[in-house]
Amino acid sequence: MTPPSAFISVKDTAGLLGVSKGTVYRRYHAGQFPGRRFGRAISILRVFVDDLVGEINSGRPVNVEEFAASWADARAVPEDAA
């Protein structure tokens, strides 16, 4: 069995979040959704999507911009550790 990829397609991300692919592209280009570009294809970091879906499923109101910023801050490497 193949382990799941570290990245998820824009289409699958949109489906999981219940938004359009355009919304996912806009969030990626705004730096709110971490991901990668390989040629013309964009993929979103799976762990970010899983964490965001978990937060949405918690029943608490979710501000995506704030969630993305706090998610990124929590995973930032301290300057003295780099």
PDB file of N, CA and C in Angstrom:
ATOM      1  N   MET A   1       0.846  -1.191   0.000  1.00  0.00           N
ATOM      2  CA  MET A   1       0.000   0.000   0.000  1.00  0.00           C
ATOM      3  C   MET A   1       0.886   1.246   0.000  1.00  0.00           C
ATOM      4  N   THR A   2       0.560   2.183  -0.844  1.00  0.00           N
ATOM      5  CA  THR A   2       1.327   3.412  -0.982  1.00  0.00           C
ATOM      6  C   THR A   2       0.902   4.414   0.087  1.00  0.00           C
ATOM      7  N   PRO A   3       1.862   5.026   0.791  1.00  0.00           N
ATOM      8  CA  PRO A   3       1.487   6.053   1.770  1.00  0.00           C
ATOM      9  C   PRO A   3       0.879   7.261   1.068  1.00  0.00           C
ATOM     10  N   PRO A   4      -0.016   7.972   1.751  1.00  0.00           N
ATOM     11  CA  PRO A   4      -0.633   9.143   1.117  1.00  0.00           C
ATOM     12  C   PRO A   4       0.413  10.221   0.840  1.00  0.00           C
ATOM     13  N   SER A   5       0.174  10.959  -0.210  1.00  0.00           N
ATOM     14  CA  SER A   5       1.064  12.050  -0.581  1.00  0.00           C
ATOM     15  C   SER A   5       1.014  13.146   0.473  1.00  0.00           C
ATOM     16  N   ALA A   6       2.088  13.902   0.574  1.00  0.00           N
ATOM     17  CA  ALA A   6       2.126  15.033   1.500  1.00  0.00           C
ATOM     18  C   ALA A   6       1.298  16.200   0.980  1.00  0.00           C
ATOM     19  N   PHE A   7       0.881  16.112  -0.290  1.00  0.00           N
ATOM     20  CA  PHE A   7       0.119  17.192  -0.910  1.00  0.00           C
ATOM     21  C   PHE A   7      -1.198  16.672  -1.462  1.00  0.00           C
ATOM     22  N   ILE A   8      -2.160  17.577  -1.606  1.00  0.00           N
ATOM     23  CA  ILE A   8      -3.486  17.249  -2.097  1.00  0.00           C
ATOM     24  C   ILE A   8      -3.836  18.232  -3.222  1.00  0.00           C
ATOM     25  N   SER A   9      -4.560  17.752  -4.200  1.00  0.00           N
ATOM     26  CA  SER A   9      -4.881  18.606  -5.348  1.00  0.00           C
ATOM     27  C   SER A   9      -5.810  19.748  -4.944  1.00  0.00           C
ATOM     28  N   VAL A  10      -5.806  20.776  -5.769  1.00  0.00           N
ATOM     29  CA  VAL A  10      -6.710  21.908  -5.554  1.00  0.00           C
ATOM     30  C   VAL A  10      -8.152  21.428  -5.621  1.00  0.00           C
ATOM     31  N   LYS A  11      -8.452  20.553  -6.566  1.00  0.00           N
ATOM     32  CA  LYS A  11      -9.815  20.020  -6.712  1.00  0.00           C
ATOM     33  C   LYS A  11     -10.259  19.285  -5.445  1.00  0.00           C
ATOM     34  N   ASP A  12      -9.387  18.403  -4.917  1.00  0.00           N
ATOM     35  CA  ASP A  12      -9.736  17.666  -3.703  1.00  0.00           C
ATOM     36  C   ASP A  12      -9.827  18.587  -2.489  1.00  0.00           C
ATOM     37  N   THR A  13      -8.944  19.573  -2.422  1.00  0.00           N
ATOM     38  CA  THR A  13      -8.999  20.549  -1.330  1.00  0.00           C
ATOM     39  C   THR A  13     -10.334  21.289  -1.354  1.00  0.00           C
ATOM     40  N   ALA A  14     -10.727  21.748  -2.537  1.00  0.00           N
ATOM     41  CA  ALA A  14     -11.996  22.464  -2.680  1.00  0.00           C
ATOM     42  C   ALA A  14     -13.166  21.583  -2.256  1.00  0.00           C
ATOM     43  N   GLY A  15     -13.139  20.319  -2.654  1.00  0.00           N
ATOM     44  CA  GLY A  15     -14.211  19.398  -2.289  1.00  0.00           C
ATOM     45  C   GLY A  15     -14.302  19.180  -0.790  1.00  0.00           C
ATOM     46  N   LEU A  16     -13.168  19.007  -0.136  1.00  0.00           N
ATOM     47  CA  LEU A  16     -13.162  18.799   1.318  1.00  0.00           C
ATOM     48  C   LEU A  16     -13.661  20.020   2.080  1.00  0.00           C
ATOM     49  N   LEU A  17     -13.338  21.204   1.560  1.00  0.00           N
ATOM     50  CA  LEU A  17     -13.712  22.439   2.248  1.00  0.00           C
ATOM     51  C   LEU A  17     -15.072  22.967   1.803  1.00  0.00           C
ATOM     52  N   GLY A  18     -15.609  22.412   0.726  1.00  0.00           N
ATOM     53  CA  GLY A  18     -16.907  22.873   0.241  1.00  0.00           C
ATOM     54  C   GLY A  18     -16.844  24.257  -0.386  1.00  0.00           C
ATOM     55  N   VAL A  19     -15.740  24.542  -1.063  1.00  0.00           N
ATOM     56  CA  VAL A  19     -15.560  25.828  -1.736  1.00  0.00           C
ATOM     57  C   VAL A  19     -15.183  25.562  -3.184  1.00  0.00           C
ATOM     58  N   SER A  20     -15.080  26.613  -3.975  1.00  0.00           N
ATOM     59  CA  SER A  20     -14.699  26.452  -5.377  1.00  0.00           C
ATOM     60  C   SER A  20     -13.179  26.305  -5.500  1.00  0.00           C
ATOM     61  N   LYS A  21     -12.744  25.750  -6.631  1.00  0.00           N
ATOM     62  CA  LYS A  21     -11.312  25.666  -6.902  1.00  0.00           C
ATOM     63  C   LYS A  21     -10.709  27.064  -6.969  1.00  0.00           C
ATOM     64  N   GLY A  22     -11.466  28.029  -7.486  1.00  0.00           N
ATOM     65  CA  GLY A  22     -10.985  29.406  -7.556  1.00  0.00           C
ATOM     66  C   GLY A  22     -10.649  29.966  -6.188  1.00  0.00           C
ATOM     67  N   THR A  23     -11.462  29.622  -5.191  1.00  0.00           N
ATOM     68  CA  THR A  23     -11.199  30.069  -3.822  1.00  0.00           C
ATOM     69  C   THR A  23      -9.881  29.491  -3.323  1.00  0.00           C
ATOM     70  N   VAL A  24      -9.651  28.218  -3.583  1.00  0.00           N
ATOM     71  CA  VAL A  24      -8.402  27.587  -3.148  1.00  0.00           C
ATOM     72  C   VAL A  24      -7.210  28.240  -3.858  1.00  0.00           C
ATOM     73  N   TYR A  25      -7.329  28.471  -5.170  1.00  0.00           N
ATOM     74  CA  TYR A  25      -6.245  29.140  -5.898  1.00  0.00           C
ATOM     75  C   TYR A  25      -5.968  30.527  -5.324  1.00  0.00           C
ATOM     76  N   ARG A  26      -7.015  31.288  -5.046  1.00  0.00           N
ATOM     77  CA  ARG A  26      -6.830  32.641  -4.492  1.00  0.00           C
ATOM     78  C   ARG A  26      -6.132  32.584  -3.139  1.00  0.00           C
ATOM     79  N   ARG A  27      -6.535  31.648  -2.288  1.00  0.00           N
ATOM     80  CA  ARG A  27      -5.905  31.514  -0.960  1.00  0.00           C
ATOM     81  C   ARG A  27      -4.438  31.101  -1.099  1.00  0.00           C
ATOM     82  N   TYR A  28      -4.151  30.220  -2.045  1.00  0.00           N
ATOM     83  CA  TYR A  28      -2.765  29.806  -2.269  1.00  0.00           C
ATOM     84  C   TYR A  28      -1.929  31.005  -2.721  1.00  0.00           C
ATOM     85  N   HIS A  29      -2.433  31.735  -3.714  1.00  0.00           N
ATOM     86  CA  HIS A  29      -1.685  32.881  -4.236  1.00  0.00           C
ATOM     87  C   HIS A  29      -1.546  34.005  -3.215  1.00  0.00           C
ATOM     88  N   ALA A  30      -2.474  34.085  -2.270  1.00  0.00           N
ATOM     89  CA  ALA A  30      -2.395  35.086  -1.208  1.00  0.00           C
ATOM     90  C   ALA A  30      -1.461  34.642  -0.082  1.00  0.00           C
ATOM     91  N   GLY A  31      -0.939  33.423  -0.181  1.00  0.00           N
ATOM     92  CA  GLY A  31      -0.034  32.916   0.852  1.00  0.00           C
ATOM     93  C   GLY A  31      -0.742  32.351   2.059  1.00  0.00           C
ATOM     94  N   GLN A  32      -2.053  32.138   1.975  1.00  0.00           N
ATOM     95  CA  GLN A  32      -2.813  31.633   3.116  1.00  0.00           C
ATOM     96  C   GLN A  32      -2.863  30.107   3.152  1.00  0.00           C
ATOM     97  N   PHE A  33      -2.789  29.454   1.997  1.00  0.00           N
ATOM     98  CA  PHE A  33      -2.788  27.997   1.940  1.00  0.00           C
ATOM     99  C   PHE A  33      -1.386  27.549   1.537  1.00  0.00           C
ATOM    100  N   PRO A  34      -0.676  26.839   2.415  1.00  0.00           N
ATOM    101  CA  PRO A  34       0.669  26.388   2.073  1.00  0.00           C
ATOM    102  C   PRO A  34       0.608  25.282   1.022  1.00  0.00           C
ATOM    103  N   GLY A  35       1.503  25.348   0.079  1.00  0.00           N
ATOM    104  CA  GLY A  35       1.511  24.342  -0.968  1.00  0.00           C
ATOM    105  C   GLY A  35       2.742  24.458  -1.827  1.00  0.00           C
ATOM    106  N   ARG A  36       2.634  23.888  -3.025  1.00  0.00           N
ATOM    107  CA  ARG A  36       3.754  23.917  -3.952  1.00  0.00           C
ATOM    108  C   ARG A  36       3.227  24.041  -5.372  1.00  0.00           C
ATOM    109  N   ARG A  37       4.084  24.552  -6.211  1.00  0.00           N
ATOM    110  CA  ARG A  37       3.788  24.623  -7.639  1.00  0.00           C
ATOM    111  C   ARG A  37       4.804  23.727  -8.329  1.00  0.00           C
ATOM    112  N   PHE A  38       4.304  22.843  -9.161  1.00  0.00           N
ATOM    113  CA  PHE A  38       5.158  21.971  -9.959  1.00  0.00           C
ATOM    114  C   PHE A  38       4.723  22.157 -11.397  1.00  0.00           C
ATOM    115  N   GLY A  39       5.503  22.935 -12.139  1.00  0.00           N
ATOM    116  CA  GLY A  39       5.055  23.349 -13.465  1.00  0.00           C
ATOM    117  C   GLY A  39       3.866  24.279 -13.300  1.00  0.00           C
ATOM    118  N   ARG A  40       2.774  23.940 -13.937  1.00  0.00           N
ATOM    119  CA  ARG A  40       1.555  24.744 -13.798  1.00  0.00           C
ATOM    120  C   ARG A  40       0.635  24.227 -12.703  1.00  0.00           C
ATOM    121  N   ALA A  41       0.902  23.018 -12.219  1.00  0.00           N
ATOM    122  CA  ALA A  41       0.028  22.391 -11.216  1.00  0.00           C
ATOM    123  C   ALA A  41       0.352  22.905  -9.814  1.00  0.00           C
ATOM    124  N   ILE A  42      -0.695  23.180  -9.068  1.00  0.00           N
ATOM    125  CA  ILE A  42      -0.567  23.612  -7.673  1.00  0.00           C
ATOM    126  C   ILE A  42      -1.177  22.540  -6.788  1.00  0.00           C
ATOM    127  N   SER A  43      -0.495  22.221  -5.712  1.00  0.00           N
ATOM    128  CA  SER A  43      -0.991  21.275  -4.714  1.00  0.00           C
ATOM    129  C   SER A  43      -0.894  21.933  -3.347  1.00  0.00           C
ATOM    130  N   ILE A  44      -1.809  21.573  -2.466  1.00  0.00           N
ATOM    131  CA  ILE A  44      -1.868  22.152  -1.125  1.00  0.00           C
ATOM    132  C   ILE A  44      -1.358  21.121  -0.118  1.00  0.00           C
ATOM    133  N   LEU A  45      -0.670  21.593   0.894  1.00  0.00           N
ATOM    134  CA  LEU A  45      -0.116  20.716   1.924  1.00  0.00           C
ATOM    135  C   LEU A  45      -1.238  19.973   2.649  1.00  0.00           C
ATOM    136  N   ARG A  46      -1.197  18.653   2.594  1.00  0.00           N
ATOM    137  CA  ARG A  46      -2.274  17.813   3.140  1.00  0.00           C
ATOM    138  C   ARG A  46      -2.492  18.035   4.642  1.00  0.00           C
ATOM    139  N   VAL A  47      -1.425  18.154   5.416  1.00  0.00           N
ATOM    140  CA  VAL A  47      -1.582  18.310   6.861  1.00  0.00           C
ATOM    141  C   VAL A  47      -2.324  19.615   7.186  1.00  0.00           C
ATOM    142  N   PHE A  48      -2.084  20.662   6.385  1.00  0.00           N
ATOM    143  CA  PHE A  48      -2.810  21.915   6.585  1.00  0.00           C
ATOM    144  C   PHE A  48      -4.299  21.709   6.327  1.00  0.00           C
ATOM    145  N   VAL A  49      -4.623  21.042   5.217  1.00  0.00           N
ATOM    146  CA  VAL A  49      -6.032  20.796   4.881  1.00  0.00           C
ATOM    147  C   VAL A  49      -6.687  19.943   5.963  1.00  0.00           C
ATOM    148  N   ASP A  50      -6.000  18.891   6.413  1.00  0.00           N
ATOM    149  CA  ASP A  50      -6.548  18.038   7.472  1.00  0.00           C
ATOM    150  C   ASP A  50      -6.810  18.829   8.745  1.00  0.00           C
ATOM    151  N   ASP A  51      -5.867  19.691   9.125  1.00  0.00           N
ATOM    152  CA  ASP A  51      -6.037  20.509  10.329  1.00  0.00           C
ATOM    153  C   ASP A  51      -7.187  21.498  10.168  1.00  0.00           C
ATOM    154  N   LEU A  52      -7.298  22.098   8.991  1.00  0.00           N
ATOM    155  CA  LEU A  52      -8.388  23.054   8.740  1.00  0.00           C
ATOM    156  C   LEU A  52      -9.737  22.353   8.762  1.00  0.00           C
ATOM    157  N   VAL A  53      -9.839  21.192   8.138  1.00  0.00           N
ATOM    158  CA  VAL A  53     -11.094  20.430   8.160  1.00  0.00           C
ATOM    159  C   VAL A  53     -11.445  20.033   9.591  1.00  0.00           C
ATOM    160  N   GLY A  54     -10.448  19.629  10.360  1.00  0.00           N
ATOM    161  CA  GLY A  54     -10.686  19.291  11.766  1.00  0.00           C
ATOM    162  C   GLY A  54     -11.220  20.470  12.561  1.00  0.00           C
ATOM    163  N   GLU A  55     -10.657  21.633  12.308  1.00  0.00           N
ATOM    164  CA  GLU A  55     -11.122  22.854  12.994  1.00  0.00           C
ATOM    165  C   GLU A  55     -12.552  23.179  12.578  1.00  0.00           C
ATOM    166  N   ILE A  56     -12.844  23.057  11.295  1.00  0.00           N
ATOM    167  CA  ILE A  56     -14.209  23.317  10.820  1.00  0.00           C
ATOM    168  C   ILE A  56     -15.190  22.325  11.438  1.00  0.00           C
ATOM    169  N   ASN A  57     -14.793  21.059  11.509  1.00  0.00           N
ATOM    170  CA  ASN A  57     -15.670  20.020  12.068  1.00  0.00           C
ATOM    171  C   ASN A  57     -15.834  20.126  13.574  1.00  0.00           C
ATOM    172  N   SER A  58     -15.023  20.944  14.229  1.00  0.00           N
ATOM    173  CA  SER A  58     -15.128  21.101  15.685  1.00  0.00           C
ATOM    174  C   SER A  58     -16.400  21.842  16.089  1.00  0.00           C
ATOM    175  N   GLY A  59     -16.990  22.540  15.131  1.00  0.00           N
ATOM    176  CA  GLY A  59     -18.217  23.285  15.430  1.00  0.00           C
ATOM    177  C   GLY A  59     -17.963  24.729  15.817  1.00  0.00           C
ATOM    178  N   ARG A  60     -16.698  25.074  16.055  1.00  0.00           N
ATOM    179  CA  ARG A  60     -16.375  26.459  16.384  1.00  0.00           C
ATOM    180  C   ARG A  60     -16.330  27.281  15.103  1.00  0.00           C
ATOM    181  N   PRO A  61     -16.665  28.568  15.190  1.00  0.00           N
ATOM    182  CA  PRO A  61     -16.523  29.419  14.001  1.00  0.00           C
ATOM    183  C   PRO A  61     -15.052  29.506  13.595  1.00  0.00           C
ATOM    184  N   VAL A  62     -14.787  29.462  12.295  1.00  0.00           N
ATOM    185  CA  VAL A  62     -13.414  29.478  11.803  1.00  0.00           C
ATOM    186  C   VAL A  62     -13.230  30.653  10.858  1.00  0.00           C
ATOM    187  N   ASN A  63     -12.282  31.506  11.195  1.00  0.00           N
ATOM    188  CA  ASN A  63     -11.845  32.560  10.285  1.00  0.00           C
ATOM    189  C   ASN A  63     -10.621  32.001   9.579  1.00  0.00           C
ATOM    190  N   VAL A  64     -10.746  31.719   8.293  1.00  0.00           N
ATOM    191  CA  VAL A  64      -9.688  31.026   7.568  1.00  0.00           C
ATOM    192  C   VAL A  64      -8.384  31.814   7.564  1.00  0.00           C
ATOM    193  N   GLU A  65      -8.454  33.132   7.408  1.00  0.00           N
ATOM    194  CA  GLU A  65      -7.235  33.935   7.408  1.00  0.00           C
ATOM    195  C   GLU A  65      -6.499  33.811   8.742  1.00  0.00           C
ATOM    196  N   GLU A  66      -7.238  33.898   9.841  1.00  0.00           N
ATOM    197  CA  GLU A  66      -6.620  33.785  11.164  1.00  0.00           C
ATOM    198  C   GLU A  66      -6.093  32.379  11.402  1.00  0.00           C
ATOM    199  N   PHE A  67      -6.857  31.369  10.982  1.00  0.00           N
ATOM    200  CA  PHE A  67      -6.408  29.994  11.150  1.00  0.00           C
ATOM    201  C   PHE A  67      -5.105  29.765  10.395  1.00  0.00           C
ATOM    202  N   ALA A  68      -5.059  30.207   9.141  1.00  0.00           N
ATOM    203  CA  ALA A  68      -3.867  29.998   8.322  1.00  0.00           C
ATOM    204  C   ALA A  68      -2.653  30.695   8.928  1.00  0.00           C
ATOM    205  N   ALA A  69      -2.841  31.906   9.419  1.00  0.00           N
ATOM    206  CA  ALA A  69      -1.728  32.645  10.021  1.00  0.00           C
ATOM    207  C   ALA A  69      -1.231  31.962  11.286  1.00  0.00           C
ATOM    208  N   SER A  70      -2.155  31.535  12.154  1.00  0.00           N
ATOM    209  CA  SER A  70      -1.731  30.886  13.396  1.00  0.00           C
ATOM    210  C   SER A  70      -1.130  29.517  13.114  1.00  0.00           C
ATOM    211  N   TRP A  71      -1.641  28.818  12.099  1.00  0.00           N
ATOM    212  CA  TRP A  71      -1.094  27.514  11.716  1.00  0.00           C
ATOM    213  C   TRP A  71       0.353  27.679  11.247  1.00  0.00           C
ATOM    214  N   ALA A  72       0.593  28.678  10.415  1.00  0.00           N
ATOM    215  CA  ALA A  72       1.943  28.929   9.911  1.00  0.00           C
ATOM    216  C   ALA A  72       2.879  29.359  11.034  1.00  0.00           C
ATOM    217  N   ASP A  73       2.400  30.221  11.922  1.00  0.00           N
ATOM    218  CA  ASP A  73       3.230  30.680  13.041  1.00  0.00           C
ATOM    219  C   ASP A  73       3.623  29.529  13.955  1.00  0.00           C
ATOM    220  N   ALA A  74       2.701  28.595  14.176  1.00  0.00           N
ATOM    221  CA  ALA A  74       2.970  27.468  15.064  1.00  0.00           C
ATOM    222  C   ALA A  74       4.020  26.522  14.481  1.00  0.00           C
ATOM    223  N   ARG A  75       4.200  26.552  13.182  1.00  0.00           N
ATOM    224  CA  ARG A  75       5.152  25.657  12.529  1.00  0.00           C
ATOM    225  C   ARG A  75       6.414  26.354  12.052  1.00  0.00           C
ATOM    226  N   ALA A  76       6.542  27.625  12.339  1.00  0.00           N
ATOM    227  CA  ALA A  76       7.715  28.395  11.901  1.00  0.00           C
ATOM    228  C   ALA A  76       8.944  27.932  12.678  1.00  0.00           C
ATOM    229  N   VAL A  77      10.060  27.886  11.981  1.00  0.00           N
ATOM    230  CA  VAL A  77      11.322  27.522  12.617  1.00  0.00           C
ATOM    231  C   VAL A  77      11.899  28.788  13.248  1.00  0.00           C
ATOM    232  N   PRO A  78      12.206  28.753  14.556  1.00  0.00           N
ATOM    233  CA  PRO A  78      12.822  29.926  15.178  1.00  0.00           C
ATOM    234  C   PRO A  78      14.129  30.271  14.475  1.00  0.00           C
ATOM    235  N   GLU A  79      14.424  31.572  14.387  1.00  0.00           N
ATOM    236  CA  GLU A  79      15.620  32.017  13.672  1.00  0.00           C
ATOM    237  C   GLU A  79      16.897  31.421  14.262  1.00  0.00           C
ATOM    238  N   ASP A  80      16.974  31.284  15.587  1.00  0.00           N
ATOM    239  CA  ASP A  80      18.184  30.766  16.190  1.00  0.00           C
ATOM    240  C   ASP A  80      18.326  29.260  16.023  1.00  0.00           C
ATOM    241  N   ALA A  81      17.265  28.572  15.565  1.00  0.00           N
ATOM    242  CA  ALA A  81      17.346  27.130  15.342  1.00  0.00           C
ATOM    243  C   ALA A  81      17.709  26.789  13.909  1.00  0.00           C
ATOM    244  N   ALA A  82      17.651  27.774  13.051  1.00  0.00           N
ATOM    245  CA  ALA A  82      17.922  27.496  11.621  1.00  0.00           C
ATOM    246  C   ALA A  82      19.393  27.423  11.321  1.00  0.00           C
TER     247      ALA A  82
END
